[in-house]
Structures are given as C-alpha cells and as structure tokens.
PDB file of N, CA and C in Angstrom:
ATOM      1  N   UNK A   1     139.298  94.862 145.393  1.00  0.00           N
ATOM      2  CA  UNK A   1     139.919  94.875 144.085  1.00  0.00           C
ATOM      3  C   UNK A   1     139.586  96.203 143.395  1.00  0.00           C
ATOM      4  N   UNK A   2     140.581  96.948 143.007  1.00  0.00           N
ATOM      5  CA  UNK A   2     140.383  98.222 142.324  1.00  0.00           C
ATOM      6  C   UNK A   2     140.399  98.010 140.820  1.00  0.00           C
ATOM      7  N   UNK A   3     139.464  98.678 140.144  1.00  0.00           N
ATOM      8  CA  UNK A   3     139.418  98.621 138.682  1.00  0.00           C
ATOM      9  C   UNK A   3     139.838  99.971 138.122  1.00  0.00           C
ATOM     10  N   UNK A   4     140.662  99.942 137.111  1.00  0.00           N
ATOM     11  CA  UNK A   4     141.123 101.173 136.483  1.00  0.00           C
ATOM     12  C   UNK A   4     140.195 101.581 135.343  1.00  0.00           C
ATOM     13  N   UNK A   5     139.708 100.628 134.546  1.00  0.00           N
ATOM     14  CA  UNK A   5     138.870 100.959 133.404  1.00  0.00           C
ATOM     15  C   UNK A   5     137.457 101.321 133.855  1.00  0.00           C
ATOM     16  N   UNK A   6     136.836 102.223 133.105  1.00  0.00           N
ATOM     17  CA  UNK A   6     135.469 102.651 133.395  1.00  0.00           C
ATOM     18  C   UNK A   6     134.497 101.607 132.856  1.00  0.00           C
ATOM     19  N   UNK A   7     133.569 101.173 133.687  1.00  0.00           N
ATOM     20  CA  UNK A   7     132.556 100.220 133.254  1.00  0.00           C
ATOM     21  C   UNK A   7     131.319 100.985 132.819  1.00  0.00           C
ATOM     22  N   UNK A   8     130.741 100.574 131.702  1.00  0.00           N
ATOM     23  CA  UNK A   8     129.590 101.274 131.157  1.00  0.00           C
ATOM     24  C   UNK A   8     128.660 100.281 130.489  1.00  0.00           C
ATOM     25  N   UNK A   9     127.400 100.642 130.411  1.00  0.00           N
ATOM     26  CA  UNK A   9     126.432  99.827 129.680  1.00  0.00           C
ATOM     27  C   UNK A   9     126.352 100.254 128.219  1.00  0.00           C
ATOM     28  N   UNK A  10     127.044 101.325 127.856  1.00  0.00           N
ATOM     29  CA  UNK A  10     127.039 101.799 126.476  1.00  0.00           C
ATOM     30  C   UNK A  10     127.815 100.844 125.580  1.00  0.00           C
ATOM     31  N   UNK A  11     127.339 100.691 124.368  1.00  0.00           N
ATOM     32  CA  UNK A  11     128.076  99.930 123.362  1.00  0.00           C
ATOM     33  C   UNK A  11     129.044 100.895 122.691  1.00  0.00           C
ATOM     34  N   UNK A  12     130.323 100.565 122.617  1.00  0.00           N
ATOM     35  CA  UNK A  12     131.262 101.497 121.992  1.00  0.00           C
ATOM     36  C   UNK A  12     131.112 101.525 120.474  1.00  0.00           C
ATOM     37  N   UNK A  13     131.369 102.681 119.895  1.00  0.00           N
ATOM     38  CA  UNK A  13     131.418 102.819 118.447  1.00  0.00           C
ATOM     39  C   UNK A  13     132.637 102.040 117.967  1.00  0.00           C
ATOM     40  N   UNK A  14     132.482 101.231 116.942  1.00  0.00           N
ATOM     41  CA  UNK A  14     133.599 100.424 116.448  1.00  0.00           C
ATOM     42  C   UNK A  14     134.660 101.268 115.757  1.00  0.00           C
ATOM     43  N   UNK A  15     134.293 102.462 115.306  1.00  0.00           N
ATOM     44  CA  UNK A  15     135.248 103.307 114.598  1.00  0.00           C
ATOM     45  C   UNK A  15     136.085 104.179 115.531  1.00  0.00           C
ATOM     46  N   UNK A  16     135.449 104.794 116.550  1.00  0.00           N
ATOM     47  CA  UNK A  16     136.195 105.754 117.374  1.00  0.00           C
ATOM     48  C   UNK A  16     136.279 105.375 118.846  1.00  0.00           C
ATOM     49  N   UNK A  17     135.473 104.397 119.305  1.00  0.00           N
ATOM     50  CA  UNK A  17     135.537 103.965 120.692  1.00  0.00           C
ATOM     51  C   UNK A  17     134.655 104.743 121.652  1.00  0.00           C
ATOM     52  N   UNK A  18     134.026 105.818 121.189  1.00  0.00           N
ATOM     53  CA  UNK A  18     133.092 106.550 122.042  1.00  0.00           C
ATOM     54  C   UNK A  18     131.824 105.720 122.211  1.00  0.00           C
ATOM     55  N   UNK A  19     130.914 106.168 123.066  1.00  0.00           N
ATOM     56  CA  UNK A  19     129.623 105.486 123.206  1.00  0.00           C
ATOM     57  C   UNK A  19     128.932 105.459 121.844  1.00  0.00           C
ATOM     58  N   UNK A  20     128.113 104.448 121.606  1.00  0.00           N
ATOM     59  CA  UNK A  20     127.451 104.291 120.302  1.00  0.00           C
ATOM     60  C   UNK A  20     126.669 105.547 119.936  1.00  0.00           C
ATOM     61  N   UNK A  21     126.759 105.931 118.679  1.00  0.00           N
ATOM     62  CA  UNK A  21     126.091 107.131 118.177  1.00  0.00           C
ATOM     63  C   UNK A  21     124.696 106.729 117.703  1.00  0.00           C
ATOM     64  N   UNK A  22     123.724 106.677 118.619  1.00  0.00           N
ATOM     65  CA  UNK A  22     122.397 106.214 118.219  1.00  0.00           C
ATOM     66  C   UNK A  22     121.576 107.294 117.538  1.00  0.00           C
ATOM     67  N   UNK A  23     121.832 108.565 117.830  1.00  0.00           N
ATOM     68  CA  UNK A  23     121.064 109.641 117.213  1.00  0.00           C
ATOM     69  C   UNK A  23     121.949 110.691 116.554  1.00  0.00           C
ATOM     70  N   UNK A  24     123.012 111.087 117.224  1.00  0.00           N
ATOM     71  CA  UNK A  24     123.881 112.150 116.736  1.00  0.00           C
ATOM     72  C   UNK A  24     125.341 111.723 116.836  1.00  0.00           C
ATOM     73  N   UNK A  25     126.190 112.423 116.132  1.00  0.00           N
ATOM     74  CA  UNK A  25     127.627 112.185 116.293  1.00  0.00           C
ATOM     75  C   UNK A  25     128.034 112.588 117.705  1.00  0.00           C
ATOM     76  N   UNK A  26     129.126 112.040 118.218  1.00  0.00           N
ATOM     77  CA  UNK A  26     129.518 112.308 119.605  1.00  0.00           C
ATOM     78  C   UNK A  26     130.083 113.708 119.794  1.00  0.00           C
ATOM     79  N   UNK A  27     130.589 114.329 118.723  1.00  0.00           N
ATOM     80  CA  UNK A  27     131.105 115.698 118.830  1.00  0.00           C
ATOM     81  C   UNK A  27     131.217 116.293 117.430  1.00  0.00           C
ATOM     82  N   UNK A  28     131.557 117.570 117.369  1.00  0.00           N
ATOM     83  CA  UNK A  28     131.718 118.235 116.078  1.00  0.00           C
ATOM     84  C   UNK A  28     132.927 117.719 115.313  1.00  0.00           C
ATOM     85  N   UNK A  29     133.888 117.121 116.020  1.00  0.00           N
ATOM     86  CA  UNK A  29     135.099 116.637 115.368  1.00  0.00           C
ATOM     87  C   UNK A  29     135.039 115.153 115.016  1.00  0.00           C
ATOM     88  N   UNK A  30     133.947 114.468 115.392  1.00  0.00           N
ATOM     89  CA  UNK A  30     133.810 113.035 115.104  1.00  0.00           C
ATOM     90  C   UNK A  30     133.092 112.859 113.770  1.00  0.00           C
ATOM     91  N   UNK A  31     133.669 112.071 112.872  1.00  0.00           N
ATOM     92  CA  UNK A  31     133.080 111.840 111.558  1.00  0.00           C
ATOM     93  C   UNK A  31     132.168 110.619 111.520  1.00  0.00           C
ATOM     94  N   UNK A  32     131.983 109.939 112.647  1.00  0.00           N
ATOM     95  CA  UNK A  32     131.182 108.717 112.668  1.00  0.00           C
ATOM     96  C   UNK A  32     129.707 109.021 112.435  1.00  0.00           C
ATOM     97  N   UNK A  33     129.058 108.185 111.643  1.00  0.00           N
ATOM     98  CA  UNK A  33     127.618 108.305 111.408  1.00  0.00           C
ATOM     99  C   UNK A  33     126.876 107.639 112.557  1.00  0.00           C
ATOM    100  N   UNK A  34     125.600 108.008 112.771  1.00  0.00           N
ATOM    101  CA  UNK A  34     124.819 107.326 113.801  1.00  0.00           C
ATOM    102  C   UNK A  34     124.825 105.812 113.579  1.00  0.00           C
ATOM    103  N   UNK A  35     124.911 105.048 114.659  1.00  0.00           N
ATOM    104  CA  UNK A  35     124.969 103.594 114.611  1.00  0.00           C
ATOM    105  C   UNK A  35     123.576 103.012 114.458  1.00  0.00           C
ATOM    106  N   UNK A  36     123.402 102.073 113.536  1.00  0.00           N
ATOM    107  CA  UNK A  36     122.135 101.365 113.398  1.00  0.00           C
ATOM    108  C   UNK A  36     122.122 100.267 114.451  1.00  0.00           C
ATOM    109  N   UNK A  37     121.187 100.361 115.378  1.00  0.00           N
ATOM    110  CA  UNK A  37     121.112  99.408 116.475  1.00  0.00           C
ATOM    111  C   UNK A  37     120.302  98.183 116.063  1.00  0.00           C
ATOM    112  N   UNK A  38     120.623  97.006 116.609  1.00  0.00           N
ATOM    113  CA  UNK A  38     119.868  95.792 116.296  1.00  0.00           C
ATOM    114  C   UNK A  38     118.386  95.988 116.608  1.00  0.00           C
ATOM    115  N   UNK A  39     117.530  95.590 115.673  1.00  0.00           N
ATOM    116  CA  UNK A  39     116.090  95.709 115.857  1.00  0.00           C
ATOM    117  C   UNK A  39     115.512  97.021 115.371  1.00  0.00           C
ATOM    118  N   UNK A  40     116.356  98.002 115.053  1.00  0.00           N
ATOM    119  CA  UNK A  40     115.828  99.289 114.607  1.00  0.00           C
ATOM    120  C   UNK A  40     115.323  99.228 113.168  1.00  0.00           C
ATOM    121  N   UNK A  41     115.679  98.210 112.417  1.00  0.00           N
ATOM    122  CA  UNK A  41     115.178  98.041 111.057  1.00  0.00           C
ATOM    123  C   UNK A  41     113.676  97.835 111.022  1.00  0.00           C
ATOM    124  N   UNK A  42     113.123  97.230 112.068  1.00  0.00           N
ATOM    125  CA  UNK A  42     111.678  97.014 112.137  1.00  0.00           C
ATOM    126  C   UNK A  42     110.941  98.346 112.218  1.00  0.00           C
ATOM    127  N   UNK A  43     111.532  99.341 112.888  1.00  0.00           N
ATOM    128  CA  UNK A  43     110.901 100.656 112.981  1.00  0.00           C
ATOM    129  C   UNK A  43     110.934 101.372 111.634  1.00  0.00           C
ATOM    130  N   UNK A  44     112.013 101.215 110.895  1.00  0.00           N
ATOM    131  CA  UNK A  44     112.143 101.870 109.596  1.00  0.00           C
ATOM    132  C   UNK A  44     111.187 101.264 108.576  1.00  0.00           C
ATOM    133  N   UNK A  45     110.898  99.967 108.712  1.00  0.00           N
ATOM    134  CA  UNK A  45     110.018  99.288 107.765  1.00  0.00           C
ATOM    135  C   UNK A  45     108.553  99.606 108.023  1.00  0.00           C
ATOM    136  N   UNK A  46     108.227 100.055 109.239  1.00  0.00           N
ATOM    137  CA  UNK A  46     106.820 100.315 109.595  1.00  0.00           C
ATOM    138  C   UNK A  46     106.320 101.618 109.042  1.00  0.00           C
TER     139      UNK A  46
END
C-alpha cells in the first residue's frame, strides 16, 4: 500500500500547518507565534 501524505511525529501549527513552533517561527515569512506545548506551564511557574 503506497501512502502519498508525509507521516510525521510533529504536531502541526493550527494556524499555518507547519510543524509546531515550539521555540521559533518556522520562517521569516510566517507570522505564527511559538506554540505553548501542554505541560510547559509548569516550567514557567517554577
């Protein structure tokens, strides 16, 4: 069975569809802000 779509473990950005922006924007032309990942709030509170 051949698959056409690319399989990835990355979570897509809900705004642009690129891989999730965990630290930086995906490119100079992308306006998306870094994505807050589940559980990262605990690090900010520490």
